[in-house]
PDB file of all heavy atoms in Angstrom:
ATOM      1  N   ARG A   1      56.574 -49.595  58.957  1.00  0.00           N
ATOM      2  CA  ARG A   1      55.199 -49.101  58.660  1.00  0.00           C
ATOM      3  C   ARG A   1      54.240 -50.209  58.527  1.00  0.00           C
ATOM      4  O   ARG A   1      53.059 -50.164  58.939  1.00  0.00           O
ATOM      5  CB  ARG A   1      55.228 -48.102  57.518  1.00  0.00           C
ATOM      6  CG  ARG A   1      53.812 -47.600  57.173  1.00  0.00           C
ATOM      7  CD  ARG A   1      53.895 -46.489  56.085  1.00  0.00           C
ATOM      8  NE  ARG A   1      54.363 -46.912  54.896  1.00  0.00           N
ATOM      9  CZ  ARG A   1      53.609 -47.492  53.895  1.00  0.00           C
ATOM     10  NH1 ARG A   1      52.326 -47.743  54.108  1.00  0.00           N
ATOM     11  NH2 ARG A   1      54.199 -47.829  52.780  1.00  0.00           N
ATOM     12  N   ALA A   2      54.705 -51.261  57.797  1.00  0.00           N
ATOM     13  CA  ALA A   2      53.765 -52.382  57.564  1.00  0.00           C
ATOM     14  C   ALA A   2      53.365 -53.071  58.904  1.00  0.00           C
ATOM     15  O   ALA A   2      52.183 -53.450  59.018  1.00  0.00           O
ATOM     16  CB  ALA A   2      54.649 -53.494  56.719  1.00  0.00           C
ATOM     17  N   GLU A   3      54.199 -53.187  59.873  1.00  0.00           N
ATOM     18  CA  GLU A   3      53.804 -53.729  61.143  1.00  0.00           C
ATOM     19  C   GLU A   3      52.863 -52.815  61.831  1.00  0.00           C
ATOM     20  O   GLU A   3      51.837 -53.344  62.394  1.00  0.00           O
ATOM     21  CB  GLU A   3      55.058 -53.947  62.044  1.00  0.00           C
ATOM     22  CG  GLU A   3      54.705 -54.457  63.490  1.00  0.00           C
ATOM     23  CD  GLU A   3      55.866 -54.356  64.451  1.00  0.00           C
ATOM     24  OE1 GLU A   3      56.982 -53.883  64.068  1.00  0.00           O
ATOM     25  OE2 GLU A   3      55.612 -54.743  65.629  1.00  0.00           O
ATOM     26  N   LEU A   4      53.096 -51.533  61.900  1.00  0.00           N
ATOM     27  CA  LEU A   4      52.179 -50.652  62.532  1.00  0.00           C
ATOM     28  C   LEU A   4      50.821 -50.673  61.840  1.00  0.00           C
ATOM     29  O   LEU A   4      49.792 -50.763  62.555  1.00  0.00           O
ATOM     30  CB  LEU A   4      52.744 -49.145  62.388  1.00  0.00           C
ATOM     31  CG  LEU A   4      51.788 -48.078  62.895  1.00  0.00           C
ATOM     32  CD1 LEU A   4      51.650 -48.232  64.369  1.00  0.00           C
ATOM     33  CD2 LEU A   4      52.380 -46.689  62.592  1.00  0.00           C
ATOM     34  N   GLU A   5      50.742 -50.620  60.508  1.00  0.00           N
ATOM     35  CA  GLU A   5      49.485 -50.693  59.842  1.00  0.00           C
ATOM     36  C   GLU A   5      48.800 -52.000  60.077  1.00  0.00           C
ATOM     37  O   GLU A   5      47.546 -52.040  60.169  1.00  0.00           O
ATOM     38  CB  GLU A   5      49.649 -50.420  58.383  1.00  0.00           C
ATOM     39  CG  GLU A   5      50.108 -48.991  58.072  1.00  0.00           C
ATOM     40  CD  GLU A   5      50.195 -48.669  56.597  1.00  0.00           C
ATOM     41  OE1 GLU A   5      50.107 -49.631  55.766  1.00  0.00           O
ATOM     42  OE2 GLU A   5      50.265 -47.540  56.175  1.00  0.00           O
ATOM     43  N   ALA A   6      49.549 -53.119  60.097  1.00  0.00           N
ATOM     44  CA  ALA A   6      48.877 -54.424  60.366  1.00  0.00           C
ATOM     45  C   ALA A   6      48.207 -54.457  61.730  1.00  0.00           C
ATOM     46  O   ALA A   6      47.125 -54.981  61.900  1.00  0.00           O
ATOM     47  CB  ALA A   6      49.944 -55.545  60.246  1.00  0.00           C
ATOM     48  N   LYS A   7      48.912 -53.930  62.749  1.00  0.00           N
ATOM     49  CA  LYS A   7      48.313 -53.938  64.106  1.00  0.00           C
ATOM     50  C   LYS A   7      47.059 -52.977  64.114  1.00  0.00           C
ATOM     51  O   LYS A   7      46.083 -53.369  64.828  1.00  0.00           O
ATOM     52  CB  LYS A   7      49.368 -53.454  65.065  1.00  0.00           C
ATOM     53  CG  LYS A   7      50.470 -54.467  65.374  1.00  0.00           C
ATOM     54  CD  LYS A   7      51.368 -54.000  66.432  1.00  0.00           C
ATOM     55  CE  LYS A   7      52.411 -55.131  66.780  1.00  0.00           C
ATOM     56  NZ  LYS A   7      53.322 -54.723  67.859  1.00  0.00           N
ATOM     57  N   LEU A   8      47.105 -51.928  63.439  1.00  0.00           N
ATOM     58  CA  LEU A   8      45.969 -50.978  63.450  1.00  0.00           C
ATOM     59  C   LEU A   8      44.756 -51.603  62.658  1.00  0.00           C
ATOM     60  O   LEU A   8      43.660 -51.467  63.157  1.00  0.00           O
ATOM     61  CB  LEU A   8      46.360 -49.638  62.806  1.00  0.00           C
ATOM     62  CG  LEU A   8      47.283 -48.847  63.697  1.00  0.00           C
ATOM     63  CD1 LEU A   8      47.957 -47.767  62.943  1.00  0.00           C
ATOM     64  CD2 LEU A   8      46.632 -48.267  64.963  1.00  0.00           C
ATOM     65  N   LYS A   9      45.062 -52.316  61.605  1.00  0.00           N
ATOM     66  CA  LYS A   9      43.999 -53.069  60.934  1.00  0.00           C
ATOM     67  C   LYS A   9      43.398 -54.129  61.787  1.00  0.00           C
ATOM     68  O   LYS A   9      42.180 -54.313  61.825  1.00  0.00           O
ATOM     69  CB  LYS A   9      44.516 -53.682  59.611  1.00  0.00           C
ATOM     70  CG  LYS A   9      44.942 -52.671  58.472  1.00  0.00           C
ATOM     71  CD  LYS A   9      45.481 -53.425  57.292  1.00  0.00           C
ATOM     72  CE  LYS A   9      45.798 -52.415  56.200  1.00  0.00           C
ATOM     73  NZ  LYS A   9      46.363 -53.147  55.050  1.00  0.00           N
ATOM     74  N   ALA A  10      44.246 -54.807  62.491  1.00  0.00           N
ATOM     75  CA  ALA A  10      43.780 -55.896  63.435  1.00  0.00           C
ATOM     76  C   ALA A  10      42.773 -55.262  64.480  1.00  0.00           C
ATOM     77  O   ALA A  10      41.936 -55.957  64.975  1.00  0.00           O
ATOM     78  CB  ALA A  10      44.943 -56.640  64.030  1.00  0.00           C
ATOM     79  N   ALA A  11      43.044 -54.044  64.856  1.00  0.00           N
ATOM     80  CA  ALA A  11      42.236 -53.387  65.834  1.00  0.00           C
ATOM     81  C   ALA A  11      40.828 -53.022  65.284  1.00  0.00           C
ATOM     82  O   ALA A  11      39.986 -52.658  66.023  1.00  0.00           O
ATOM     83  CB  ALA A  11      42.918 -52.140  66.432  1.00  0.00           C
ATOM     84  N   GLY A  12      40.705 -52.996  63.915  1.00  0.00           N
ATOM     85  CA  GLY A  12      39.489 -52.639  63.291  1.00  0.00           C
ATOM     86  C   GLY A  12      39.525 -51.434  62.343  1.00  0.00           C
ATOM     87  O   GLY A  12      38.520 -51.188  61.724  1.00  0.00           O
ATOM     88  N   PHE A  13      40.624 -50.765  62.299  1.00  0.00           N
ATOM     89  CA  PHE A  13      40.657 -49.518  61.551  1.00  0.00           C
ATOM     90  C   PHE A  13      40.819 -49.765  60.055  1.00  0.00           C
ATOM     91  O   PHE A  13      41.450 -50.768  59.598  1.00  0.00           O
ATOM     92  CB  PHE A  13      41.840 -48.661  62.012  1.00  0.00           C
ATOM     93  CG  PHE A  13      41.715 -48.007  63.314  1.00  0.00           C
ATOM     94  CD1 PHE A  13      42.460 -48.596  64.385  1.00  0.00           C
ATOM     95  CD2 PHE A  13      40.924 -46.913  63.511  1.00  0.00           C
ATOM     96  CE1 PHE A  13      42.319 -47.976  65.673  1.00  0.00           C
ATOM     97  CE2 PHE A  13      40.795 -46.309  64.787  1.00  0.00           C
ATOM     98  CZ  PHE A  13      41.515 -46.860  65.850  1.00  0.00           C
ATOM     99  N   PHE A  14      40.264 -48.908  59.274  1.00  0.00           N
ATOM    100  CA  PHE A  14      40.591 -48.743  57.905  1.00  0.00           C
ATOM    101  C   PHE A  14      41.828 -47.843  57.820  1.00  0.00           C
ATOM    102  O   PHE A  14      41.810 -46.781  58.435  1.00  0.00           O
ATOM    103  CB  PHE A  14      39.437 -48.105  57.069  1.00  0.00           C
ATOM    104  CG  PHE A  14      38.237 -48.913  56.914  1.00  0.00           C
ATOM    105  CD1 PHE A  14      36.972 -48.355  57.025  1.00  0.00           C
ATOM    106  CD2 PHE A  14      38.332 -50.280  56.618  1.00  0.00           C
ATOM    107  CE1 PHE A  14      35.829 -49.179  56.865  1.00  0.00           C
ATOM    108  CE2 PHE A  14      37.238 -51.102  56.429  1.00  0.00           C
ATOM    109  CZ  PHE A  14      35.976 -50.539  56.590  1.00  0.00           C
ATOM    110  N   VAL A  15      42.821 -48.300  57.151  1.00  0.00           N
ATOM    111  CA  VAL A  15      44.082 -47.543  57.096  1.00  0.00           C
ATOM    112  C   VAL A  15      44.113 -46.697  55.796  1.00  0.00           C
ATOM    113  O   VAL A  15      43.865 -47.221  54.718  1.00  0.00           O
ATOM    114  CB  VAL A  15      45.347 -48.419  57.082  1.00  0.00           C
ATOM    115  CG1 VAL A  15      46.624 -47.676  56.964  1.00  0.00           C
ATOM    116  CG2 VAL A  15      45.373 -49.106  58.497  1.00  0.00           C
ATOM    117  N   GLY A  16      44.404 -45.360  55.944  1.00  0.00           N
ATOM    118  CA  GLY A  16      44.394 -44.460  54.815  1.00  0.00           C
ATOM    119  C   GLY A  16      45.851 -44.031  54.441  1.00  0.00           C
ATOM    120  O   GLY A  16      46.708 -44.811  54.495  1.00  0.00           O
ATOM    121  N   PRO A  17      45.991 -42.747  54.076  1.00  0.00           N
ATOM    122  CA  PRO A  17      47.292 -42.298  53.607  1.00  0.00           C
ATOM    123  C   PRO A  17      48.357 -42.220  54.739  1.00  0.00           C
ATOM    124  O   PRO A  17      47.979 -42.266  55.931  1.00  0.00           O
ATOM    125  CB  PRO A  17      46.962 -40.934  53.117  1.00  0.00           C
ATOM    126  CG  PRO A  17      45.755 -40.460  53.838  1.00  0.00           C
ATOM    127  CD  PRO A  17      44.944 -41.777  54.032  1.00  0.00           C
ATOM    128  N   HIS A  18      49.600 -42.085  54.358  1.00  0.00           N
ATOM    129  CA  HIS A  18      50.670 -41.871  55.329  1.00  0.00           C
ATOM    130  C   HIS A  18      51.674 -40.925  54.728  1.00  0.00           C
ATOM    131  O   HIS A  18      51.662 -40.679  53.532  1.00  0.00           O
ATOM    132  CB  HIS A  18      51.332 -43.248  55.590  1.00  0.00           C
ATOM    133  CG  HIS A  18      52.214 -43.770  54.490  1.00  0.00           C
ATOM    134  ND1 HIS A  18      51.725 -44.439  53.469  1.00  0.00           N
ATOM    135  CD2 HIS A  18      53.522 -43.564  54.229  1.00  0.00           C
ATOM    136  CE1 HIS A  18      52.613 -44.720  52.543  1.00  0.00           C
ATOM    137  NE2 HIS A  18      53.780 -44.190  53.026  1.00  0.00           N
ATOM    138  N   HIS A  19      52.570 -40.402  55.549  1.00  0.00           N
ATOM    139  CA  HIS A  19      53.658 -39.584  55.123  1.00  0.00           C
ATOM    140  C   HIS A  19      54.764 -39.620  56.224  1.00  0.00           C
ATOM    141  O   HIS A  19      54.467 -40.117  57.360  1.00  0.00           O
ATOM    142  CB  HIS A  19      53.197 -38.197  54.853  1.00  0.00           C
ATOM    143  CG  HIS A  19      52.672 -37.421  55.992  1.00  0.00           C
ATOM    144  ND1 HIS A  19      53.533 -36.747  56.893  1.00  0.00           N
ATOM    145  CD2 HIS A  19      51.413 -37.167  56.365  1.00  0.00           C
ATOM    146  CE1 HIS A  19      52.690 -36.202  57.796  1.00  0.00           C
ATOM    147  NE2 HIS A  19      51.387 -36.436  57.506  1.00  0.00           N
ATOM    148  N   HIS A  20      55.868 -39.143  55.898  1.00  0.00           N
ATOM    149  CA  HIS A  20      57.006 -38.972  56.867  1.00  0.00           C
ATOM    150  C   HIS A  20      57.223 -37.548  57.164  1.00  0.00           C
ATOM    151  O   HIS A  20      56.891 -36.670  56.416  1.00  0.00           O
ATOM    152  CB  HIS A  20      58.265 -39.654  56.345  1.00  0.00           C
ATOM    153  CG  HIS A  20      58.241 -41.103  56.194  1.00  0.00           C
ATOM    154  ND1 HIS A  20      57.502 -41.702  55.138  1.00  0.00           N
ATOM    155  CD2 HIS A  20      58.647 -42.109  56.989  1.00  0.00           C
ATOM    156  CE1 HIS A  20      57.655 -43.069  55.292  1.00  0.00           C
ATOM    157  NE2 HIS A  20      58.281 -43.310  56.362  1.00  0.00           N
ATOM    158  N   ALA A  21      57.824 -37.249  58.354  1.00  0.00           N
ATOM    159  CA  ALA A  21      57.977 -35.847  58.834  1.00  0.00           C
ATOM    160  C   ALA A  21      59.321 -35.760  59.569  1.00  0.00           C
ATOM    161  O   ALA A  21      59.843 -36.698  60.068  1.00  0.00           O
ATOM    162  CB  ALA A  21      56.820 -35.470  59.698  1.00  0.00           C
ATOM    163  N   HIS A  22      59.760 -34.506  59.572  1.00  0.00           N
ATOM    164  CA  HIS A  22      60.960 -34.124  60.451  1.00  0.00           C
ATOM    165  C   HIS A  22      62.255 -34.679  59.998  1.00  0.00           C
ATOM    166  O   HIS A  22      63.040 -35.141  60.802  1.00  0.00           O
ATOM    167  CB  HIS A  22      60.645 -34.355  61.897  1.00  0.00           C
ATOM    168  CG  HIS A  22      59.332 -33.860  62.390  1.00  0.00           C
ATOM    169  ND1 HIS A  22      58.803 -32.661  62.104  1.00  0.00           N
ATOM    170  CD2 HIS A  22      58.389 -34.469  63.144  1.00  0.00           C
ATOM    171  CE1 HIS A  22      57.626 -32.474  62.607  1.00  0.00           C
ATOM    172  NE2 HIS A  22      57.341 -33.611  63.275  1.00  0.00           N
ATOM    173  N   ALA A  23      62.526 -34.730  58.708  1.00  0.00           N
ATOM    174  CA  ALA A  23      63.796 -35.298  58.244  1.00  0.00           C
ATOM    175  C   ALA A  23      65.014 -34.565  58.845  1.00  0.00           C
ATOM    176  O   ALA A  23      66.018 -35.193  59.130  1.00  0.00           O
ATOM    177  CB  ALA A  23      63.901 -35.236  56.682  1.00  0.00           C
ATOM    178  N   LEU A  24      64.887 -33.228  58.967  1.00  0.00           N
ATOM    179  CA  LEU A  24      65.998 -32.520  59.526  1.00  0.00           C
ATOM    180  C   LEU A  24      66.323 -32.785  60.974  1.00  0.00           C
ATOM    181  O   LEU A  24      67.405 -32.484  61.504  1.00  0.00           O
ATOM    182  CB  LEU A  24      65.796 -30.949  59.308  1.00  0.00           C
ATOM    183  CG  LEU A  24      65.773 -30.484  57.899  1.00  0.00           C
ATOM    184  CD1 LEU A  24      65.608 -28.976  57.828  1.00  0.00           C
ATOM    185  CD2 LEU A  24      66.950 -30.899  57.104  1.00  0.00           C
ATOM    186  N   HIS A  25      65.308 -33.442  61.663  1.00  0.00           N
ATOM    187  CA  HIS A  25      65.537 -33.713  63.095  1.00  0.00           C
ATOM    188  C   HIS A  25      66.274 -35.078  63.267  1.00  0.00           C
ATOM    189  O   HIS A  25      66.868 -35.329  64.345  1.00  0.00           O
ATOM    190  CB  HIS A  25      64.223 -33.772  63.829  1.00  0.00           C
ATOM    191  CG  HIS A  25      63.598 -32.410  64.038  1.00  0.00           C
ATOM    192  ND1 HIS A  25      63.588 -31.799  65.271  1.00  0.00           N
ATOM    193  CD2 HIS A  25      63.106 -31.564  63.123  1.00  0.00           C
ATOM    194  CE1 HIS A  25      62.995 -30.615  65.124  1.00  0.00           C
ATOM    195  NE2 HIS A  25      62.703 -30.440  63.858  1.00  0.00           N
ATOM    196  N   ALA A  26      66.264 -35.871  62.211  1.00  0.00           N
ATOM    197  CA  ALA A  26      66.927 -37.209  62.348  1.00  0.00           C
ATOM    198  C   ALA A  26      68.445 -37.051  62.630  1.00  0.00           C
ATOM    199  O   ALA A  26      69.022 -37.722  63.574  1.00  0.00           O
ATOM    200  CB  ALA A  26      66.717 -38.063  61.150  1.00  0.00           C
ATOM    201  N   PRO A  27      69.156 -36.267  61.877  1.00  0.00           N
ATOM    202  CA  PRO A  27      70.633 -36.093  62.149  1.00  0.00           C
ATOM    203  C   PRO A  27      70.910 -35.580  63.534  1.00  0.00           C
ATOM    204  O   PRO A  27      71.913 -35.922  64.140  1.00  0.00           O
ATOM    205  CB  PRO A  27      71.054 -35.144  61.097  1.00  0.00           C
ATOM    206  CG  PRO A  27      70.138 -35.247  59.968  1.00  0.00           C
ATOM    207  CD  PRO A  27      68.821 -35.512  60.652  1.00  0.00           C
ATOM    208  N   TYR A  28      70.039 -34.671  64.060  1.00  0.00           N
ATOM    209  CA  TYR A  28      70.253 -34.240  65.432  1.00  0.00           C
ATOM    210  C   TYR A  28      70.265 -35.367  66.375  1.00  0.00           C
ATOM    211  O   TYR A  28      71.102 -35.450  67.317  1.00  0.00           O
ATOM    212  CB  TYR A  28      69.131 -33.253  65.837  1.00  0.00           C
ATOM    213  CG  TYR A  28      69.138 -32.732  67.249  1.00  0.00           C
ATOM    214  CD1 TYR A  28      70.202 -31.991  67.701  1.00  0.00           C
ATOM    215  CD2 TYR A  28      68.160 -33.218  68.130  1.00  0.00           C
ATOM    216  CE1 TYR A  28      70.199 -31.606  69.096  1.00  0.00           C
ATOM    217  CE2 TYR A  28      68.234 -32.827  69.475  1.00  0.00           C
ATOM    218  CZ  TYR A  28      69.220 -32.058  69.954  1.00  0.00           C
ATOM    219  OH  TYR A  28      69.263 -31.632  71.266  1.00  0.00           O
ATOM    220  N   TRP A  29      69.289 -36.265  66.263  1.00  0.00           N
ATOM    221  CA  TRP A  29      69.247 -37.371  67.209  1.00  0.00           C
ATOM    222  C   TRP A  29      70.383 -38.381  66.982  1.00  0.00           C
ATOM    223  O   TRP A  29      70.900 -39.023  67.888  1.00  0.00           O
ATOM    224  CB  TRP A  29      67.898 -38.062  67.172  1.00  0.00           C
ATOM    225  CG  TRP A  29      66.888 -37.376  67.860  1.00  0.00           C
ATOM    226  CD1 TRP A  29      65.904 -36.500  67.406  1.00  0.00           C
ATOM    227  CD2 TRP A  29      66.782 -37.199  69.331  1.00  0.00           C
ATOM    228  NE1 TRP A  29      65.232 -35.928  68.382  1.00  0.00           N
ATOM    229  CE2 TRP A  29      65.717 -36.346  69.617  1.00  0.00           C
ATOM    230  CE3 TRP A  29      67.473 -37.790  70.330  1.00  0.00           C
ATOM    231  CZ2 TRP A  29      65.395 -36.018  70.930  1.00  0.00           C
ATOM    232  CZ3 TRP A  29      67.115 -37.489  71.671  1.00  0.00           C
ATOM    233  CH2 TRP A  29      66.058 -36.592  71.950  1.00  0.00           C
ATOM    234  N   TRP A  30      70.864 -38.506  65.734  1.00  0.00           N
ATOM    235  CA  TRP A  30      72.056 -39.366  65.562  1.00  0.00           C
ATOM    236  C   TRP A  30      73.243 -38.783  66.249  1.00  0.00           C
ATOM    237  O   TRP A  30      74.107 -39.438  66.855  1.00  0.00           O
ATOM    238  CB  TRP A  30      72.346 -39.485  64.011  1.00  0.00           C
ATOM    239  CG  TRP A  30      71.229 -40.234  63.305  1.00  0.00           C
ATOM    240  CD1 TRP A  30      70.319 -41.003  63.783  1.00  0.00           C
ATOM    241  CD2 TRP A  30      70.848 -40.047  61.886  1.00  0.00           C
ATOM    242  NE1 TRP A  30      69.395 -41.484  62.878  1.00  0.00           N
ATOM    243  CE2 TRP A  30      69.733 -40.894  61.660  1.00  0.00           C
ATOM    244  CE3 TRP A  30      71.466 -39.363  60.800  1.00  0.00           C
ATOM    245  CZ2 TRP A  30      69.202 -40.980  60.388  1.00  0.00           C
ATOM    246  CZ3 TRP A  30      70.889 -39.495  59.565  1.00  0.00           C
ATOM    247  CH2 TRP A  30      69.761 -40.327  59.354  1.00  0.00           C
ATOM    248  N   ILE A  31      73.383 -37.434  66.101  1.00  0.00           N
ATOM    249  CA  ILE A  31      74.465 -36.736  66.826  1.00  0.00           C
ATOM    250  C   ILE A  31      74.386 -36.955  68.361  1.00  0.00           C
ATOM    251  O   ILE A  31      75.363 -37.297  69.005  1.00  0.00           O
ATOM    252  CB  ILE A  31      74.473 -35.191  66.483  1.00  0.00           C
ATOM    253  CG1 ILE A  31      74.882 -34.997  65.006  1.00  0.00           C
ATOM    254  CG2 ILE A  31      75.499 -34.518  67.430  1.00  0.00           C
ATOM    255  CD1 ILE A  31      74.550 -33.586  64.552  1.00  0.00           C
ATOM    256  N   LYS A  32      73.150 -36.765  68.833  1.00  0.00           N
ATOM    257  CA  LYS A  32      72.968 -36.938  70.318  1.00  0.00           C
ATOM    258  C   LYS A  32      73.296 -38.372  70.789  1.00  0.00           C
ATOM    259  O   LYS A  32      73.943 -38.529  71.772  1.00  0.00           O
ATOM    260  CB  LYS A  32      71.501 -36.654  70.655  1.00  0.00           C
ATOM    261  CG  LYS A  32      71.097 -35.173  70.564  1.00  0.00           C
ATOM    262  CD  LYS A  32      71.391 -34.458  71.817  1.00  0.00           C
ATOM    263  CE  LYS A  32      70.434 -34.840  72.874  1.00  0.00           C
ATOM    264  NZ  LYS A  32      70.728 -34.142  74.178  1.00  0.00           N
ATOM    265  N   CYS A  33      72.912 -39.305  69.966  1.00  0.00           N
ATOM    266  CA  CYS A  33      73.212 -40.691  70.365  1.00  0.00           C
ATOM    267  C   CYS A  33      74.646 -40.982  70.253  1.00  0.00           C
ATOM    268  O   CYS A  33      75.228 -41.702  71.084  1.00  0.00           O
ATOM    269  CB  CYS A  33      72.437 -41.678  69.440  1.00  0.00           C
ATOM    270  SG  CYS A  33      70.616 -41.726  69.757  1.00  0.00           S
ATOM    271  N   ALA A  34      75.396 -40.319  69.339  1.00  0.00           N
ATOM    272  CA  ALA A  34      76.849 -40.568  69.157  1.00  0.00           C
ATOM    273  C   ALA A  34      77.612 -39.878  70.311  1.00  0.00           C
ATOM    274  O   ALA A  34      78.698 -40.475  70.785  1.00  0.00           O
ATOM    275  CB  ALA A  34      77.277 -40.003  67.870  1.00  0.00           C
ATOM    276  N   VAL A  35      77.218 -38.713  70.745  1.00  0.00           N
ATOM    277  CA  VAL A  35      78.046 -37.918  71.726  1.00  0.00           C
ATOM    278  C   VAL A  35      77.481 -38.157  73.177  1.00  0.00           C
ATOM    279  O   VAL A  35      78.133 -37.763  74.113  1.00  0.00           O
ATOM    280  CB  VAL A  35      78.010 -36.472  71.416  1.00  0.00           C
ATOM    281  CG1 VAL A  35      78.624 -36.218  70.004  1.00  0.00           C
ATOM    282  CG2 VAL A  35      76.663 -35.826  71.564  1.00  0.00           C
ATOM    283  N   GLY A  36      76.220 -38.714  73.324  1.00  0.00           N
ATOM    284  CA  GLY A  36      75.667 -38.908  74.604  1.00  0.00           C
ATOM    285  C   GLY A  36      74.308 -38.246  74.666  1.00  0.00           C
ATOM    286  O   GLY A  36      74.230 -36.963  74.429  1.00  0.00           O
ATOM    287  N   THR A  37      73.233 -38.949  74.917  1.00  0.00           N
ATOM    288  CA  THR A  37      71.892 -38.381  74.819  1.00  0.00           C
ATOM    289  C   THR A  37      71.706 -37.261  75.837  1.00  0.00           C
ATOM    290  O   THR A  37      70.792 -36.436  75.619  1.00  0.00           O
ATOM    291  CB  THR A  37      70.855 -39.512  75.040  1.00  0.00           C
ATOM    292  OG1 THR A  37      71.040 -40.156  76.236  1.00  0.00           O
ATOM    293  CG2 THR A  37      70.936 -40.568  73.902  1.00  0.00           C
ATOM    294  N   SER A  38      72.427 -37.262  76.907  1.00  0.00           N
ATOM    295  CA  SER A  38      72.218 -36.203  77.947  1.00  0.00           C
ATOM    296  C   SER A  38      73.185 -35.076  77.793  1.00  0.00           C
ATOM    297  O   SER A  38      73.141 -34.041  78.577  1.00  0.00           O
ATOM    298  CB  SER A  38      72.334 -36.835  79.352  1.00  0.00           C
ATOM    299  OG  SER A  38      73.644 -37.397  79.499  1.00  0.00           O
ATOM    300  N   ASP A  39      74.051 -35.143  76.809  1.00  0.00           N
ATOM    301  CA  ASP A  39      75.058 -34.027  76.586  1.00  0.00           C
ATOM    302  C   ASP A  39      74.532 -32.971  75.625  1.00  0.00           C
ATOM    303  O   ASP A  39      74.962 -32.889  74.459  1.00  0.00           O
ATOM    304  CB  ASP A  39      76.316 -34.729  76.120  1.00  0.00           C
ATOM    305  CG  ASP A  39      77.556 -33.668  76.106  1.00  0.00           C
ATOM    306  OD1 ASP A  39      77.305 -32.498  76.434  1.00  0.00           O
ATOM    307  OD2 ASP A  39      78.621 -34.004  75.651  1.00  0.00           O
ATOM    308  N   ASP A  40      73.685 -32.141  76.178  1.00  0.00           N
ATOM    309  CA  ASP A  40      73.123 -31.069  75.360  1.00  0.00           C
ATOM    310  C   ASP A  40      74.092 -29.950  75.044  1.00  0.00           C
ATOM    311  O   ASP A  40      73.912 -29.164  74.136  1.00  0.00           O
ATOM    312  CB  ASP A  40      71.858 -30.402  76.090  1.00  0.00           C
ATOM    313  CG  ASP A  40      70.763 -31.337  76.226  1.00  0.00           C
ATOM    314  OD1 ASP A  40      70.597 -32.329  75.432  1.00  0.00           O
ATOM    315  OD2 ASP A  40      69.942 -31.211  77.260  1.00  0.00           O
ATOM    316  N   ASP A  41      75.266 -29.911  75.821  1.00  0.00           N
ATOM    317  CA  ASP A  41      76.149 -28.822  75.634  1.00  0.00           C
ATOM    318  C   ASP A  41      77.296 -29.211  74.641  1.00  0.00           C
ATOM    319  O   ASP A  41      78.221 -28.405  74.412  1.00  0.00           O
ATOM    320  CB  ASP A  41      76.800 -28.458  76.991  1.00  0.00           C
ATOM    321  CG  ASP A  41      75.785 -27.842  77.895  1.00  0.00           C
ATOM    322  OD1 ASP A  41      74.887 -27.168  77.400  1.00  0.00           O
ATOM    323  OD2 ASP A  41      75.904 -28.089  79.124  1.00  0.00           O
ATOM    324  N   HIS A  42      77.261 -30.468  74.148  1.00  0.00           N
ATOM    325  CA  HIS A  42      78.347 -30.811  73.186  1.00  0.00           C
ATOM    326  C   HIS A  42      78.284 -29.857  72.017  1.00  0.00           C
ATOM    327  O   HIS A  42      77.178 -29.522  71.529  1.00  0.00           O
ATOM    328  CB  HIS A  42      78.043 -32.230  72.682  1.00  0.00           C
ATOM    329  CG  HIS A  42      79.191 -32.791  71.806  1.00  0.00           C
ATOM    330  ND1 HIS A  42      79.298 -32.425  70.487  1.00  0.00           N
ATOM    331  CD2 HIS A  42      80.266 -33.565  72.147  1.00  0.00           C
ATOM    332  CE1 HIS A  42      80.379 -33.003  70.018  1.00  0.00           C
ATOM    333  NE2 HIS A  42      81.023 -33.671  70.973  1.00  0.00           N
TER     334      HIS A  42
END
């Protein structure tokens, strides 16, 4: 987040609040990466 905000500040923006989203989706992608990203039928 620090890198992203630094680049946006360098572009001229005032940086305001932030938050994170979709925690329940992270394990799905870990599973997909472990079994094969194209293996939707696993």
